[in-house]
């Protein structure tokens, strides 16, 4: 299984790259870190520089976006879809994670 990106999320990622003048070959690092009211939160950041251990992590490409996920995070994120919304419930990226048993009311954190 991999991590997928919706068309809306891909468009927004490309727009952010353009607005912030981030190189098209920069990786989008997706991760899970401790925190939030449910115990785990999602982390997204662009990275133009390879890091130690990158050869041992999962790399995906979807809709022209190169994603990189560390192995620990991949255990939590396998099968997840990254979406973007600008609706009434708030603007931002949202993770549709089939592995999450519980999420907080704001949708920023989850538990397995």
N, C-alpha and C. Protein backbone atom coordinates (compact mmCIF):
# COMPACT_ATOMS: atom_id res chain seq x y z
N UNK A 1 0.84 -1.19 0.00
CA UNK A 1 0.00 0.00 0.00
C UNK A 1 0.88 1.25 0.00
N UNK A 2 0.31 2.32 -0.46
CA UNK A 2 1.06 3.56 -0.52
C UNK A 2 0.22 4.70 0.04
N UNK A 3 0.71 5.89 -0.13
CA UNK A 3 -0.01 7.09 0.25
C UNK A 3 -0.42 7.78 -1.04
N UNK A 4 -1.68 8.17 -1.14
CA UNK A 4 -2.16 8.82 -2.36
C UNK A 4 -2.53 10.28 -2.07
N UNK A 5 -2.63 11.04 -3.15
CA UNK A 5 -2.94 12.46 -3.06
C UNK A 5 -4.13 12.75 -3.98
N UNK A 6 -5.10 13.48 -3.48
CA UNK A 6 -6.22 13.87 -4.32
C UNK A 6 -5.78 14.96 -5.29
N UNK A 7 -6.58 15.17 -6.32
CA UNK A 7 -6.28 16.24 -7.28
C UNK A 7 -6.23 17.60 -6.60
N UNK A 8 -7.16 17.85 -5.67
CA UNK A 8 -7.17 19.15 -4.95
C UNK A 8 -5.90 19.35 -4.14
N UNK A 9 -5.45 18.29 -3.47
CA UNK A 9 -4.22 18.40 -2.67
C UNK A 9 -3.02 18.63 -3.56
N UNK A 10 -2.94 17.93 -4.68
CA UNK A 10 -1.82 18.10 -5.61
C UNK A 10 -1.79 19.53 -6.15
N UNK A 11 -2.95 20.07 -6.50
CA UNK A 11 -3.00 21.44 -7.01
C UNK A 11 -2.53 22.43 -5.94
N UNK A 12 -2.96 22.23 -4.70
CA UNK A 12 -2.57 23.14 -3.62
C UNK A 12 -1.08 23.03 -3.32
N UNK A 13 -0.53 21.83 -3.32
CA UNK A 13 0.90 21.64 -3.10
C UNK A 13 1.70 22.36 -4.18
N UNK A 14 1.27 22.22 -5.42
CA UNK A 14 1.96 22.91 -6.53
C UNK A 14 1.84 24.42 -6.39
N UNK A 15 0.69 24.91 -5.93
CA UNK A 15 0.51 26.35 -5.73
C UNK A 15 1.43 26.87 -4.61
N UNK A 16 1.53 26.12 -3.53
CA UNK A 16 2.42 26.50 -2.42
C UNK A 16 3.86 26.55 -2.91
N UNK A 17 4.26 25.54 -3.69
CA UNK A 17 5.62 25.55 -4.24
C UNK A 17 5.87 26.80 -5.06
N UNK A 18 4.91 27.15 -5.90
CA UNK A 18 5.06 28.33 -6.74
C UNK A 18 5.12 29.60 -5.90
N UNK A 19 4.18 29.74 -4.96
CA UNK A 19 4.11 30.94 -4.12
C UNK A 19 5.38 31.12 -3.28
N UNK A 20 5.93 30.02 -2.78
CA UNK A 20 7.10 30.09 -1.91
C UNK A 20 8.41 29.83 -2.65
N UNK A 21 8.32 29.73 -3.98
CA UNK A 21 9.49 29.50 -4.83
C UNK A 21 10.29 28.28 -4.39
N UNK A 22 9.58 27.18 -4.17
CA UNK A 22 10.19 25.91 -3.78
C UNK A 22 10.39 25.09 -5.05
N UNK A 23 11.54 24.52 -5.20
CA UNK A 23 11.89 23.74 -6.38
C UNK A 23 10.91 22.60 -6.61
N UNK A 24 10.61 22.31 -7.89
CA UNK A 24 9.70 21.21 -8.24
C UNK A 24 10.25 19.85 -7.84
N UNK A 25 11.58 19.76 -7.66
CA UNK A 25 12.15 18.47 -7.28
C UNK A 25 12.27 18.30 -5.77
N UNK A 26 11.80 19.28 -5.00
CA UNK A 26 11.80 19.15 -3.54
C UNK A 26 10.82 18.05 -3.14
N UNK A 27 11.22 17.26 -2.19
CA UNK A 27 10.37 16.18 -1.67
C UNK A 27 9.36 16.73 -0.67
N UNK A 28 8.20 16.11 -0.62
CA UNK A 28 7.23 16.42 0.42
C UNK A 28 7.36 15.32 1.47
N UNK A 29 7.91 15.69 2.61
CA UNK A 29 8.07 14.73 3.71
C UNK A 29 6.75 14.65 4.48
N UNK A 30 6.26 13.43 4.62
CA UNK A 30 5.03 13.18 5.35
C UNK A 30 5.40 12.31 6.54
N UNK A 31 4.97 12.72 7.71
CA UNK A 31 5.33 11.94 8.89
C UNK A 31 4.28 11.99 9.97
N UNK A 32 4.53 11.22 10.99
CA UNK A 32 3.68 11.16 12.18
C UNK A 32 4.59 11.46 13.37
N UNK A 33 4.16 12.39 14.21
CA UNK A 33 4.92 12.73 15.41
C UNK A 33 4.01 12.65 16.62
N UNK A 34 4.60 12.49 17.78
CA UNK A 34 3.82 12.46 19.02
C UNK A 34 3.27 13.84 19.30
N UNK A 35 2.02 13.87 19.75
CA UNK A 35 1.42 15.15 20.12
C UNK A 35 -0.07 15.16 19.86
N UNK A 36 -0.67 16.27 20.17
CA UNK A 36 -2.11 16.43 19.96
C UNK A 36 -2.91 15.75 21.04
N UNK A 37 -4.19 16.01 21.04
CA UNK A 37 -5.04 15.47 22.11
C UNK A 37 -5.33 13.98 21.95
N UNK A 38 -5.08 13.42 20.76
CA UNK A 38 -5.29 11.98 20.58
C UNK A 38 -3.99 11.18 20.60
N UNK A 39 -2.86 11.87 20.69
CA UNK A 39 -1.58 11.17 20.85
C UNK A 39 -0.62 11.27 19.68
N UNK A 40 -1.12 11.36 18.44
CA UNK A 40 -0.26 11.44 17.26
C UNK A 40 -0.77 12.54 16.34
N UNK A 41 0.14 13.25 15.69
CA UNK A 41 -0.24 14.28 14.73
C UNK A 41 0.52 14.06 13.43
N UNK A 42 -0.03 14.63 12.37
CA UNK A 42 0.58 14.54 11.05
C UNK A 42 1.57 15.69 10.86
N UNK A 43 2.60 15.43 10.07
CA UNK A 43 3.62 16.43 9.81
C UNK A 43 3.89 16.47 8.31
N UNK A 44 3.85 17.65 7.72
CA UNK A 44 4.13 17.85 6.30
C UNK A 44 5.18 18.95 6.17
N UNK A 45 6.19 18.72 5.34
CA UNK A 45 7.17 19.76 5.07
C UNK A 45 7.91 19.46 3.77
N UNK A 46 8.30 20.52 3.09
CA UNK A 46 9.12 20.37 1.89
C UNK A 46 10.57 20.25 2.30
N UNK A 47 11.32 19.45 1.54
CA UNK A 47 12.74 19.28 1.82
C UNK A 47 13.48 19.09 0.50
N UNK A 48 14.43 19.98 0.24
CA UNK A 48 15.21 19.91 -0.99
C UNK A 48 16.48 19.09 -0.82
N UNK A 49 16.83 18.80 0.41
CA UNK A 49 18.09 18.10 0.68
C UNK A 49 17.85 16.69 1.20
N UNK A 50 18.49 15.71 0.57
CA UNK A 50 18.39 14.34 1.10
C UNK A 50 18.95 14.29 2.52
N UNK A 51 18.40 13.42 3.33
CA UNK A 51 18.87 13.27 4.70
C UNK A 51 19.39 11.87 4.93
N UNK A 52 20.19 11.71 5.97
CA UNK A 52 20.68 10.38 6.32
C UNK A 52 19.50 9.46 6.54
N UNK A 53 19.56 8.28 5.98
CA UNK A 53 18.50 7.30 6.15
C UNK A 53 17.44 7.35 5.07
N UNK A 54 17.50 8.34 4.16
CA UNK A 54 16.48 8.45 3.12
C UNK A 54 16.42 7.22 2.22
N UNK A 55 17.55 6.55 2.07
CA UNK A 55 17.55 5.36 1.22
C UNK A 55 16.78 4.20 1.86
N UNK A 56 16.46 4.32 3.13
CA UNK A 56 15.75 3.27 3.85
C UNK A 56 14.29 3.60 4.09
N UNK A 57 13.80 4.67 3.49
CA UNK A 57 12.43 5.06 3.73
C UNK A 57 11.58 4.84 2.48
N UNK A 58 10.29 4.95 2.64
CA UNK A 58 9.37 4.75 1.54
C UNK A 58 9.27 6.03 0.70
N UNK A 59 9.33 5.88 -0.61
CA UNK A 59 9.16 7.01 -1.50
C UNK A 59 8.03 6.69 -2.48
N UNK A 60 7.17 7.68 -2.70
CA UNK A 60 6.03 7.52 -3.59
C UNK A 60 5.95 8.72 -4.51
N UNK A 61 5.31 8.53 -5.63
CA UNK A 61 5.01 9.63 -6.53
C UNK A 61 3.54 9.51 -6.90
N UNK A 62 2.82 10.59 -6.74
CA UNK A 62 1.41 10.61 -7.13
C UNK A 62 1.08 12.00 -7.65
N UNK A 63 0.53 12.05 -8.84
CA UNK A 63 0.11 13.30 -9.47
C UNK A 63 1.25 14.32 -9.56
N UNK A 64 2.46 13.82 -9.78
CA UNK A 64 3.62 14.70 -9.94
C UNK A 64 4.24 15.16 -8.64
N UNK A 65 3.77 14.67 -7.51
CA UNK A 65 4.31 15.04 -6.19
C UNK A 65 5.13 13.88 -5.68
N UNK A 66 6.40 14.15 -5.32
CA UNK A 66 7.27 13.12 -4.75
C UNK A 66 7.16 13.18 -3.23
N UNK A 67 6.66 12.09 -2.65
CA UNK A 67 6.49 11.97 -1.21
C UNK A 67 7.56 11.08 -0.63
N UNK A 68 7.97 11.41 0.57
CA UNK A 68 8.93 10.59 1.29
C UNK A 68 8.38 10.37 2.69
N UNK A 69 8.41 9.13 3.19
CA UNK A 69 7.83 8.79 4.48
C UNK A 69 8.82 7.89 5.24
N UNK A 70 9.15 8.27 6.47
CA UNK A 70 10.03 7.40 7.26
C UNK A 70 9.28 6.12 7.61
N UNK A 71 10.03 5.06 7.88
CA UNK A 71 9.43 3.74 8.08
C UNK A 71 8.46 3.70 9.26
N UNK A 72 8.79 4.37 10.35
CA UNK A 72 7.89 4.36 11.51
C UNK A 72 6.56 5.01 11.14
N UNK A 73 6.63 6.16 10.47
CA UNK A 73 5.40 6.85 10.07
C UNK A 73 4.61 6.04 9.06
N UNK A 74 5.32 5.33 8.17
CA UNK A 74 4.63 4.55 7.14
C UNK A 74 3.73 3.48 7.77
N UNK A 75 4.14 2.94 8.91
CA UNK A 75 3.30 1.95 9.59
C UNK A 75 1.94 2.54 9.97
N UNK A 76 1.92 3.83 10.30
CA UNK A 76 0.68 4.51 10.64
C UNK A 76 -0.08 5.02 9.42
N UNK A 77 0.64 5.29 8.33
CA UNK A 77 0.06 5.99 7.19
C UNK A 77 -0.25 5.14 5.97
N UNK A 78 0.11 3.89 5.99
CA UNK A 78 -0.12 3.03 4.82
C UNK A 78 -1.60 3.05 4.43
N UNK A 79 -1.87 3.37 3.17
CA UNK A 79 -3.24 3.42 2.68
C UNK A 79 -3.92 4.76 2.86
N UNK A 80 -3.22 5.74 3.39
CA UNK A 80 -3.79 7.06 3.66
C UNK A 80 -3.92 7.89 2.39
N UNK A 81 -4.94 8.71 2.35
CA UNK A 81 -5.14 9.66 1.25
C UNK A 81 -5.00 11.07 1.81
N UNK A 82 -4.16 11.88 1.15
CA UNK A 82 -3.98 13.28 1.52
C UNK A 82 -4.91 14.12 0.67
N UNK A 83 -5.76 14.91 1.30
CA UNK A 83 -6.73 15.74 0.60
C UNK A 83 -6.54 17.19 1.04
N UNK A 84 -7.16 18.08 0.29
CA UNK A 84 -7.15 19.50 0.64
C UNK A 84 -8.56 20.02 0.50
N UNK A 85 -9.00 20.82 1.46
CA UNK A 85 -10.34 21.39 1.39
C UNK A 85 -10.27 22.86 1.78
N UNK A 86 -11.17 23.62 1.21
CA UNK A 86 -11.31 25.03 1.60
C UNK A 86 -12.76 25.34 1.90
N UNK A 87 -13.45 24.35 2.44
CA UNK A 87 -14.88 24.46 2.73
C UNK A 87 -15.19 25.13 4.05
N UNK A 88 -16.43 25.02 4.45
CA UNK A 88 -16.91 25.66 5.67
C UNK A 88 -16.27 25.11 6.93
N UNK A 89 -15.79 23.86 6.89
CA UNK A 89 -15.17 23.26 8.07
C UNK A 89 -13.71 23.65 8.22
N UNK A 90 -13.23 24.53 7.38
CA UNK A 90 -11.86 24.99 7.50
C UNK A 90 -11.02 24.63 6.30
N UNK A 91 -10.04 25.47 6.06
CA UNK A 91 -9.14 25.28 4.95
C UNK A 91 -7.90 24.53 5.42
N UNK A 92 -7.44 23.59 4.61
CA UNK A 92 -6.20 22.91 4.94
C UNK A 92 -6.14 21.50 4.41
N UNK A 93 -5.01 20.87 4.67
CA UNK A 93 -4.79 19.49 4.27
C UNK A 93 -5.44 18.57 5.30
N UNK A 94 -6.01 17.49 4.79
CA UNK A 94 -6.66 16.51 5.65
C UNK A 94 -6.20 15.12 5.25
N UNK A 95 -5.95 14.31 6.25
CA UNK A 95 -5.52 12.93 6.03
C UNK A 95 -6.71 12.01 6.24
N UNK A 96 -7.01 11.21 5.24
CA UNK A 96 -8.03 10.17 5.38
C UNK A 96 -7.28 8.87 5.62
N UNK A 97 -7.13 8.55 6.90
CA UNK A 97 -6.27 7.47 7.34
C UNK A 97 -7.12 6.27 7.78
N UNK A 98 -7.07 5.16 7.02
CA UNK A 98 -7.88 4.00 7.39
C UNK A 98 -7.36 3.29 8.64
N UNK A 99 -6.16 3.64 9.09
CA UNK A 99 -5.57 2.99 10.27
C UNK A 99 -5.95 3.68 11.57
N UNK A 100 -6.47 4.89 11.51
CA UNK A 100 -6.79 5.65 12.71
C UNK A 100 -8.05 5.10 13.36
N UNK A 101 -7.97 4.78 14.63
CA UNK A 101 -9.13 4.31 15.39
C UNK A 101 -9.94 5.47 15.96
N UNK A 102 -9.24 6.55 16.25
CA UNK A 102 -9.89 7.70 16.88
C UNK A 102 -9.19 8.97 16.42
N UNK A 103 -9.96 10.02 16.18
CA UNK A 103 -9.40 11.32 15.87
C UNK A 103 -9.99 12.34 16.83
N UNK A 104 -9.28 13.43 17.02
CA UNK A 104 -9.84 14.48 17.87
C UNK A 104 -10.86 15.27 17.06
N UNK A 105 -11.61 16.11 17.71
CA UNK A 105 -12.68 16.84 17.04
C UNK A 105 -12.15 17.82 15.99
N UNK A 106 -10.93 18.32 16.16
CA UNK A 106 -10.39 19.27 15.18
C UNK A 106 -9.75 18.53 13.99
N UNK A 107 -9.54 17.22 14.11
CA UNK A 107 -8.97 16.45 13.02
C UNK A 107 -7.46 16.56 12.89
N UNK A 108 -6.81 17.20 13.86
CA UNK A 108 -5.38 17.39 13.79
C UNK A 108 -4.58 16.23 14.37
N UNK A 109 -5.20 15.42 15.19
CA UNK A 109 -4.47 14.30 15.79
C UNK A 109 -5.32 13.05 15.74
N UNK A 110 -4.64 11.91 15.96
CA UNK A 110 -5.30 10.61 15.86
C UNK A 110 -4.62 9.61 16.76
N UNK A 111 -5.24 8.46 16.91
CA UNK A 111 -4.62 7.34 17.62
C UNK A 111 -4.90 6.06 16.87
N UNK A 112 -4.06 5.08 17.12
CA UNK A 112 -4.18 3.77 16.45
C UNK A 112 -4.58 2.75 17.50
